[in-house]
Amino acid sequence: METTTRRYSTYHYDLTPFTMEELNARIDKAETEIAAGNVIDHEDLWRELEEEFAKEDAEEDARFANSYVEEEQFATV
């Protein structure tokens, strides 16, 4: 990924406005990335995140349920 030191650094943000040429160049680059399929739209991103979170929640619920069952079995012995 390309970085620019003109616009920002670790500790300082340069708040000078972009020129029209810079804005158009950024738009052109974004359109090229979209056409090449190197981006994901926000709806797909959220869907993937929700699926991952649901999977993690299910795994956590299963671990909790298993630990609860083990405790119950231990208590009845």
PDB file of N, CA and C in Angstrom:
ATOM      1  N   MET A   1       0.846  -1.179   0.000  1.00  0.00           N
ATOM      2  CA  MET A   1       0.000   0.000   0.000  1.00  0.00           C
ATOM      3  C   MET A   1       0.887   1.236   0.000  1.00  0.00           C
ATOM      4  N   GLU A   2       0.477   2.203  -0.727  1.00  0.00           N
ATOM      5  CA  GLU A   2       1.236   3.437  -0.856  1.00  0.00           C
ATOM      6  C   GLU A   2       0.989   4.362   0.334  1.00  0.00           C
ATOM      7  N   THR A   3       2.045   4.928   0.873  1.00  0.00           N
ATOM      8  CA  THR A   3       1.884   5.886   1.966  1.00  0.00           C
ATOM      9  C   THR A   3       2.418   7.238   1.529  1.00  0.00           C
ATOM     10  N   THR A   4       1.880   8.256   2.113  1.00  0.00           N
ATOM     11  CA  THR A   4       2.355   9.606   1.812  1.00  0.00           C
ATOM     12  C   THR A   4       2.777  10.266   3.102  1.00  0.00           C
ATOM     13  N   THR A   5       3.926  10.905   3.071  1.00  0.00           N
ATOM     14  CA  THR A   5       4.368  11.622   4.257  1.00  0.00           C
ATOM     15  C   THR A   5       3.897  13.064   4.208  1.00  0.00           C
ATOM     16  N   ARG A   6       3.419  13.492   3.054  1.00  0.00           N
ATOM     17  CA  ARG A   6       2.970  14.880   2.923  1.00  0.00           C
ATOM     18  C   ARG A   6       1.716  15.141   3.742  1.00  0.00           C
ATOM     19  N   ARG A   7       0.798  14.181   3.774  1.00  0.00           N
ATOM     20  CA  ARG A   7      -0.496  14.386   4.401  1.00  0.00           C
ATOM     21  C   ARG A   7      -0.489  14.101   5.896  1.00  0.00           C
ATOM     22  N   TYR A   8       0.300  13.163   6.336  1.00  0.00           N
ATOM     23  CA  TYR A   8       0.286  12.841   7.757  1.00  0.00           C
ATOM     24  C   TYR A   8       1.587  12.172   8.168  1.00  0.00           C
ATOM     25  N   SER A   9       1.857  12.232   9.415  1.00  0.00           N
ATOM     26  CA  SER A   9       2.970  11.501   9.999  1.00  0.00           C
ATOM     27  C   SER A   9       2.460  10.865  11.286  1.00  0.00           C
ATOM     28  N   THR A  10       3.321  10.242  12.029  1.00  0.00           N
ATOM     29  CA  THR A  10       2.903   9.562  13.242  1.00  0.00           C
ATOM     30  C   THR A  10       2.308  10.520  14.257  1.00  0.00           C
ATOM     31  N   TYR A  11       2.865  11.716  14.375  1.00  0.00           N
ATOM     32  CA  TYR A  11       2.446  12.627  15.438  1.00  0.00           C
ATOM     33  C   TYR A  11       1.803  13.908  14.945  1.00  0.00           C
ATOM     34  N   HIS A  12       1.789  14.148  13.650  1.00  0.00           N
ATOM     35  CA  HIS A  12       1.316  15.429  13.144  1.00  0.00           C
ATOM     36  C   HIS A  12       0.446  15.206  11.919  1.00  0.00           C
ATOM     37  N   TYR A  13      -0.703  15.847  11.907  1.00  0.00           N
ATOM     38  CA  TYR A  13      -1.583  15.780  10.748  1.00  0.00           C
ATOM     39  C   TYR A  13      -1.498  17.089   9.979  1.00  0.00           C
ATOM     40  N   ASP A  14      -1.275  16.966   8.696  1.00  0.00           N
ATOM     41  CA  ASP A  14      -1.226  18.127   7.822  1.00  0.00           C
ATOM     42  C   ASP A  14      -2.648  18.395   7.338  1.00  0.00           C
ATOM     43  N   LEU A  15      -3.201  19.526   7.694  1.00  0.00           N
ATOM     44  CA  LEU A  15      -4.588  19.827   7.371  1.00  0.00           C
ATOM     45  C   LEU A  15      -4.746  20.686   6.118  1.00  0.00           C
ATOM     46  N   THR A  16      -3.703  20.764   5.298  1.00  0.00           N
ATOM     47  CA  THR A  16      -3.848  21.521   4.052  1.00  0.00           C
ATOM     48  C   THR A  16      -4.817  20.787   3.139  1.00  0.00           C
ATOM     49  N   PRO A  17      -5.656  21.518   2.440  1.00  0.00           N
ATOM     50  CA  PRO A  17      -6.648  20.873   1.575  1.00  0.00           C
ATOM     51  C   PRO A  17      -5.994  20.230   0.351  1.00  0.00           C
ATOM     52  N   PHE A  18      -6.655  19.215  -0.165  1.00  0.00           N
ATOM     53  CA  PHE A  18      -6.202  18.582  -1.396  1.00  0.00           C
ATOM     54  C   PHE A  18      -6.513  19.502  -2.574  1.00  0.00           C
ATOM     55  N   THR A  19      -5.673  19.430  -3.588  1.00  0.00           N
ATOM     56  CA  THR A  19      -5.971  20.144  -4.830  1.00  0.00           C
ATOM     57  C   THR A  19      -6.957  19.296  -5.622  1.00  0.00           C
ATOM     58  N   MET A  20      -7.593  19.871  -6.607  1.00  0.00           N
ATOM     59  CA  MET A  20      -8.515  19.115  -7.454  1.00  0.00           C
ATOM     60  C   MET A  20      -7.783  17.987  -8.170  1.00  0.00           C
ATOM     61  N   GLU A  21      -6.546  18.225  -8.561  1.00  0.00           N
ATOM     62  CA  GLU A  21      -5.768  17.188  -9.232  1.00  0.00           C
ATOM     63  C   GLU A  21      -5.526  16.010  -8.286  1.00  0.00           C
ATOM     64  N   GLU A  22      -5.217  16.311  -7.017  1.00  0.00           N
ATOM     65  CA  GLU A  22      -5.001  15.247  -6.045  1.00  0.00           C
ATOM     66  C   GLU A  22      -6.287  14.467  -5.781  1.00  0.00           C
ATOM     67  N   LEU A  23      -7.387  15.185  -5.660  1.00  0.00           N
ATOM     68  CA  LEU A  23      -8.671  14.516  -5.444  1.00  0.00           C
ATOM     69  C   LEU A  23      -9.025  13.617  -6.622  1.00  0.00           C
ATOM     70  N   ASN A  24      -8.864  14.141  -7.826  1.00  0.00           N
ATOM     71  CA  ASN A  24      -9.176  13.347  -9.014  1.00  0.00           C
ATOM     72  C   ASN A  24      -8.259  12.135  -9.130  1.00  0.00           C
ATOM     73  N   ALA A  25      -6.988  12.290  -8.758  1.00  0.00           N
ATOM     74  CA  ALA A  25      -6.054  11.165  -8.787  1.00  0.00           C
ATOM     75  C   ALA A  25      -6.480  10.094  -7.794  1.00  0.00           C
ATOM     76  N   ARG A  26      -6.930  10.508  -6.609  1.00  0.00           N
ATOM     77  CA  ARG A  26      -7.392   9.547  -5.602  1.00  0.00           C
ATOM     78  C   ARG A  26      -8.651   8.820  -6.083  1.00  0.00           C
ATOM     79  N   ILE A  27      -9.553   9.558  -6.718  1.00  0.00           N
ATOM     80  CA  ILE A  27     -10.771   8.946  -7.260  1.00  0.00           C
ATOM     81  C   ILE A  27     -10.415   7.953  -8.346  1.00  0.00           C
ATOM     82  N   ASP A  28      -9.516   8.340  -9.246  1.00  0.00           N
ATOM     83  CA  ASP A  28      -9.089   7.441 -10.323  1.00  0.00           C
ATOM     84  C   ASP A  28      -8.468   6.165  -9.763  1.00  0.00           C
ATOM     85  N   LYS A  29      -7.639   6.314  -8.742  1.00  0.00           N
ATOM     86  CA  LYS A  29      -7.001   5.151  -8.127  1.00  0.00           C
ATOM     87  C   LYS A  29      -8.050   4.242  -7.492  1.00  0.00           C
ATOM     88  N   ALA A  30      -9.020   4.828  -6.799  1.00  0.00           N
ATOM     89  CA  ALA A  30     -10.083   4.042  -6.175  1.00  0.00           C
ATOM     90  C   ALA A  30     -10.905   3.300  -7.221  1.00  0.00           C
ATOM     91  N   GLU A  31     -11.231   3.967  -8.311  1.00  0.00           N
ATOM     92  CA  GLU A  31     -11.999   3.324  -9.377  1.00  0.00           C
ATOM     93  C   GLU A  31     -11.226   2.174 -10.008  1.00  0.00           C
ATOM     94  N   THR A  32      -9.915   2.328 -10.127  1.00  0.00           N
ATOM     95  CA  THR A  32      -9.067   1.260 -10.660  1.00  0.00           C
ATOM     96  C   THR A  32      -9.072   0.067  -9.709  1.00  0.00           C
ATOM     97  N   GLU A  33      -8.973   0.333  -8.407  1.00  0.00           N
ATOM     98  CA  GLU A  33      -8.990  -0.741  -7.412  1.00  0.00           C
ATOM     99  C   GLU A  33     -10.341  -1.465  -7.421  1.00  0.00           C
ATOM    100  N   ILE A  34     -11.416  -0.719  -7.554  1.00  0.00           N
ATOM    101  CA  ILE A  34     -12.752  -1.316  -7.611  1.00  0.00           C
ATOM    102  C   ILE A  34     -12.879  -2.203  -8.839  1.00  0.00           C
ATOM    103  N   ALA A  35     -12.446  -1.701  -9.989  1.00  0.00           N
ATOM    104  CA  ALA A  35     -12.532  -2.467 -11.229  1.00  0.00           C
ATOM    105  C   ALA A  35     -11.694  -3.744 -11.163  1.00  0.00           C
ATOM    106  N   ALA A  36     -10.573  -3.690 -10.436  1.00  0.00           N
ATOM    107  CA  ALA A  36      -9.701  -4.857 -10.309  1.00  0.00           C
ATOM    108  C   ALA A  36     -10.213  -5.840  -9.259  1.00  0.00           C
ATOM    109  N   GLY A  37     -11.241  -5.446  -8.526  1.00  0.00           N
ATOM    110  CA  GLY A  37     -11.804  -6.324  -7.508  1.00  0.00           C
ATOM    111  C   GLY A  37     -10.999  -6.366  -6.222  1.00  0.00           C
ATOM    112  N   ASN A  38     -10.226  -5.343  -5.962  1.00  0.00           N
ATOM    113  CA  ASN A  38      -9.377  -5.307  -4.774  1.00  0.00           C
ATOM    114  C   ASN A  38     -10.032  -4.655  -3.573  1.00  0.00           C
ATOM    115  N   VAL A  39     -11.335  -4.472  -3.617  1.00  0.00           N
ATOM    116  CA  VAL A  39     -12.053  -3.842  -2.507  1.00  0.00           C
ATOM    117  C   VAL A  39     -13.249  -4.702  -2.142  1.00  0.00           C
ATOM    118  N   ILE A  40     -13.801  -4.444  -0.974  1.00  0.00           N
ATOM    119  CA  ILE A  40     -15.010  -5.122  -0.528  1.00  0.00           C
ATOM    120  C   ILE A  40     -15.987  -4.035  -0.083  1.00  0.00           C
ATOM    121  N   ASP A  41     -17.250  -4.164  -0.486  1.00  0.00           N
ATOM    122  CA  ASP A  41     -18.197  -3.118  -0.088  1.00  0.00           C
ATOM    123  C   ASP A  41     -18.599  -3.316   1.365  1.00  0.00           C
ATOM    124  N   HIS A  42     -19.143  -2.276   1.949  1.00  0.00           N
ATOM    125  CA  HIS A  42     -19.416  -2.302   3.390  1.00  0.00           C
ATOM    126  C   HIS A  42     -20.461  -3.349   3.770  1.00  0.00           C
ATOM    127  N   GLU A  43     -21.404  -3.625   2.887  1.00  0.00           N
ATOM    128  CA  GLU A  43     -22.423  -4.622   3.200  1.00  0.00           C
ATOM    129  C   GLU A  43     -21.809  -6.012   3.319  1.00  0.00           C
ATOM    130  N   ASP A  44     -20.899  -6.352   2.392  1.00  0.00           N
ATOM    131  CA  ASP A  44     -20.224  -7.645   2.474  1.00  0.00           C
ATOM    132  C   ASP A  44     -19.313  -7.708   3.693  1.00  0.00           C
ATOM    133  N   LEU A  45     -18.644  -6.608   3.990  1.00  0.00           N
ATOM    134  CA  LEU A  45     -17.772  -6.566   5.158  1.00  0.00           C
ATOM    135  C   LEU A  45     -18.565  -6.811   6.433  1.00  0.00           C
ATOM    136  N   TRP A  46     -19.692  -6.120   6.598  1.00  0.00           N
ATOM    137  CA  TRP A  46     -20.513  -6.299   7.800  1.00  0.00           C
ATOM    138  C   TRP A  46     -21.058  -7.717   7.882  1.00  0.00           C
ATOM    139  N   ARG A  47     -21.479  -8.285   6.749  1.00  0.00           N
ATOM    140  CA  ARG A  47     -21.997  -9.645   6.743  1.00  0.00           C
ATOM    141  C   ARG A  47     -20.908 -10.613   7.213  1.00  0.00           C
ATOM    142  N   GLU A  48     -19.691 -10.452   6.689  1.00  0.00           N
ATOM    143  CA  GLU A  48     -18.589 -11.325   7.095  1.00  0.00           C
ATOM    144  C   GLU A  48     -18.261 -11.161   8.576  1.00  0.00           C
ATOM    145  N   LEU A  49     -18.279  -9.915   9.058  1.00  0.00           N
ATOM    146  CA  LEU A  49     -17.999  -9.684  10.471  1.00  0.00           C
ATOM    147  C   LEU A  49     -19.078 -10.299  11.356  1.00  0.00           C
ATOM    148  N   GLU A  50     -20.334 -10.124  10.981  1.00  0.00           N
ATOM    149  CA  GLU A  50     -21.427 -10.695  11.766  1.00  0.00           C
ATOM    150  C   GLU A  50     -21.346 -12.215  11.800  1.00  0.00           C
ATOM    151  N   GLU A  51     -20.981 -12.833  10.665  1.00  0.00           N
ATOM    152  CA  GLU A  51     -20.821 -14.286  10.631  1.00  0.00           C
ATOM    153  C   GLU A  51     -19.687 -14.721  11.557  1.00  0.00           C
ATOM    154  N   GLU A  52     -18.580 -13.996  11.528  1.00  0.00           N
ATOM    155  CA  GLU A  52     -17.445 -14.331  12.384  1.00  0.00           C
ATOM    156  C   GLU A  52     -17.804 -14.155  13.856  1.00  0.00           C
ATOM    157  N   PHE A  53     -18.487 -13.062  14.194  1.00  0.00           N
ATOM    158  CA  PHE A  53     -18.897 -12.841  15.579  1.00  0.00           C
ATOM    159  C   PHE A  53     -19.873 -13.921  16.039  1.00  0.00           C
ATOM    160  N   ALA A  54     -20.813 -14.307  15.186  1.00  0.00           N
ATOM    161  CA  ALA A  54     -21.771 -15.349  15.538  1.00  0.00           C
ATOM    162  C   ALA A  54     -21.051 -16.671  15.776  1.00  0.00           C
ATOM    163  N   LYS A  55     -20.062 -16.963  14.954  1.00  0.00           N
ATOM    164  CA  LYS A  55     -19.277 -18.193  15.124  1.00  0.00           C
ATOM    165  C   LYS A  55     -18.538 -18.170  16.460  1.00  0.00           C
ATOM    166  N   GLU A  56     -17.911 -17.038  16.783  1.00  0.00           N
ATOM    167  CA  GLU A  56     -17.196 -16.917  18.049  1.00  0.00           C
ATOM    168  C   GLU A  56     -18.149 -17.021  19.235  1.00  0.00           C
ATOM    169  N   ASP A  57     -19.323 -16.402  19.122  1.00  0.00           N
ATOM    170  CA  ASP A  57     -20.316 -16.476  20.194  1.00  0.00           C
ATOM    171  C   ASP A  57     -20.777 -17.922  20.404  1.00  0.00           C
ATOM    172  N   ALA A  58     -21.000 -18.649  19.304  1.00  0.00           N
ATOM    173  CA  ALA A  58     -21.444 -20.041  19.408  1.00  0.00           C
ATOM    174  C   ALA A  58     -20.365 -20.897  20.064  1.00  0.00           C
ATOM    175  N   GLU A  59     -19.099 -20.660  19.702  1.00  0.00           N
ATOM    176  CA  GLU A  59     -18.007 -21.407  20.313  1.00  0.00           C
ATOM    177  C   GLU A  59     -17.906 -21.102  21.805  1.00  0.00           C
ATOM    178  N   GLU A  60     -18.077 -19.840  22.172  1.00  0.00           N
ATOM    179  CA  GLU A  60     -18.027 -19.452  23.580  1.00  0.00           C
ATOM    180  C   GLU A  60     -19.200 -20.062  24.347  1.00  0.00           C
ATOM    181  N   ASP A  61     -20.387 -20.041  23.744  1.00  0.00           N
ATOM    182  CA  ASP A  61     -21.559 -20.640  24.382  1.00  0.00           C
ATOM    183  C   ASP A  61     -21.343 -22.140  24.595  1.00  0.00           C
ATOM    184  N   ALA A  62     -20.751 -22.817  23.602  1.00  0.00           N
ATOM    185  CA  ALA A  62     -20.497 -24.253  23.727  1.00  0.00           C
ATOM    186  C   ALA A  62     -19.491 -24.529  24.838  1.00  0.00           C
ATOM    187  N   ARG A  63     -18.439 -23.706  24.922  1.00  0.00           N
ATOM    188  CA  ARG A  63     -17.460 -23.887  25.997  1.00  0.00           C
ATOM    189  C   ARG A  63     -18.117 -23.684  27.357  1.00  0.00           C
ATOM    190  N   PHE A  64     -18.963 -22.675  27.463  1.00  0.00           N
ATOM    191  CA  PHE A  64     -19.651 -22.413  28.723  1.00  0.00           C
ATOM    192  C   PHE A  64     -20.573 -23.571  29.078  1.00  0.00           C
ATOM    193  N   ALA A  65     -21.333 -24.054  28.102  1.00  0.00           N
ATOM    194  CA  ALA A  65     -22.259 -25.157  28.348  1.00  0.00           C
ATOM    195  C   ALA A  65     -21.490 -26.399  28.775  1.00  0.00           C
ATOM    196  N   ASN A  66     -20.354 -26.683  28.128  1.00  0.00           N
ATOM    197  CA  ASN A  66     -19.556 -27.847  28.500  1.00  0.00           C
ATOM    198  C   ASN A  66     -18.996 -27.711  29.906  1.00  0.00           C
ATOM    199  N   SER A  67     -18.549 -26.531  30.268  1.00  0.00           N
ATOM    200  CA  SER A  67     -18.002 -26.352  31.610  1.00  0.00           C
ATOM    201  C   SER A  67     -19.111 -26.458  32.654  1.00  0.00           C
ATOM    202  N   TYR A  68     -20.305 -26.012  32.330  1.00  0.00           N
ATOM    203  CA  TYR A  68     -21.444 -26.109  33.247  1.00  0.00           C
ATOM    204  C   TYR A  68     -21.820 -27.572  33.465  1.00  0.00           C
ATOM    205  N   VAL A  69     -21.840 -28.360  32.372  1.00  0.00           N
ATOM    206  CA  VAL A  69     -22.167 -29.779  32.468  1.00  0.00           C
ATOM    207  C   VAL A  69     -21.121 -30.486  33.311  1.00  0.00           C
ATOM    208  N   GLU A  70     -19.847 -30.172  33.106  1.00  0.00           N
ATOM    209  CA  GLU A  70     -18.789 -30.793  33.883  1.00  0.00           C
ATOM    210  C   GLU A  70     -18.934 -30.469  35.362  1.00  0.00           C
ATOM    211  N   GLU A  71     -19.295 -29.237  35.701  1.00  0.00           N
ATOM    212  CA  GLU A  71     -19.494 -28.861  37.081  1.00  0.00           C
ATOM    213  C   GLU A  71     -20.674 -29.610  37.685  1.00  0.00           C
ATOM    214  N   GLU A  72     -21.764 -29.769  36.941  1.00  0.00           N
ATOM    215  CA  GLU A  72     -22.934 -30.487  37.419  1.00  0.00           C
ATOM    216  C   GLU A  72     -22.592 -31.955  37.662  1.00  0.00           C
ATOM    217  N   GLN A  73     -21.825 -32.560  36.749  1.00  0.00           N
ATOM    218  CA  GLN A  73     -21.442 -33.959  36.919  1.00  0.00           C
ATOM    219  C   GLN A  73     -20.556 -34.118  38.152  1.00  0.00           C
ATOM    220  N   PHE A  74     -19.665 -33.186  38.374  1.00  0.00           N
ATOM    221  CA  PHE A  74     -18.781 -33.246  39.519  1.00  0.00           C
ATOM    222  C   PHE A  74     -19.579 -33.122  40.822  1.00  0.00           C
ATOM    223  N   ALA A  75     -20.592 -32.264  40.810  1.00  0.00           N
ATOM    224  CA  ALA A  75     -21.382 -32.024  42.004  1.00  0.00           C
ATOM    225  C   ALA A  75     -22.246 -33.229  42.377  1.00  0.00           C
ATOM    226  N   THR A  76     -22.645 -34.054  41.421  1.00  0.00           N
ATOM    227  CA  THR A  76     -23.517 -35.184  41.699  1.00  0.00           C
ATOM    228  C   THR A  76     -22.754 -36.425  42.109  1.00  0.00           C
ATOM    229  N   VAL A  77     -21.445 -36.402  41.991  1.00  0.00           N
ATOM    230  CA  VAL A  77     -20.653 -37.583  42.341  1.00  0.00           C
ATOM    231  C   VAL A  77     -20.491 -37.701  43.824  1.00  0.00           C
TER     232      VAL A  77
END
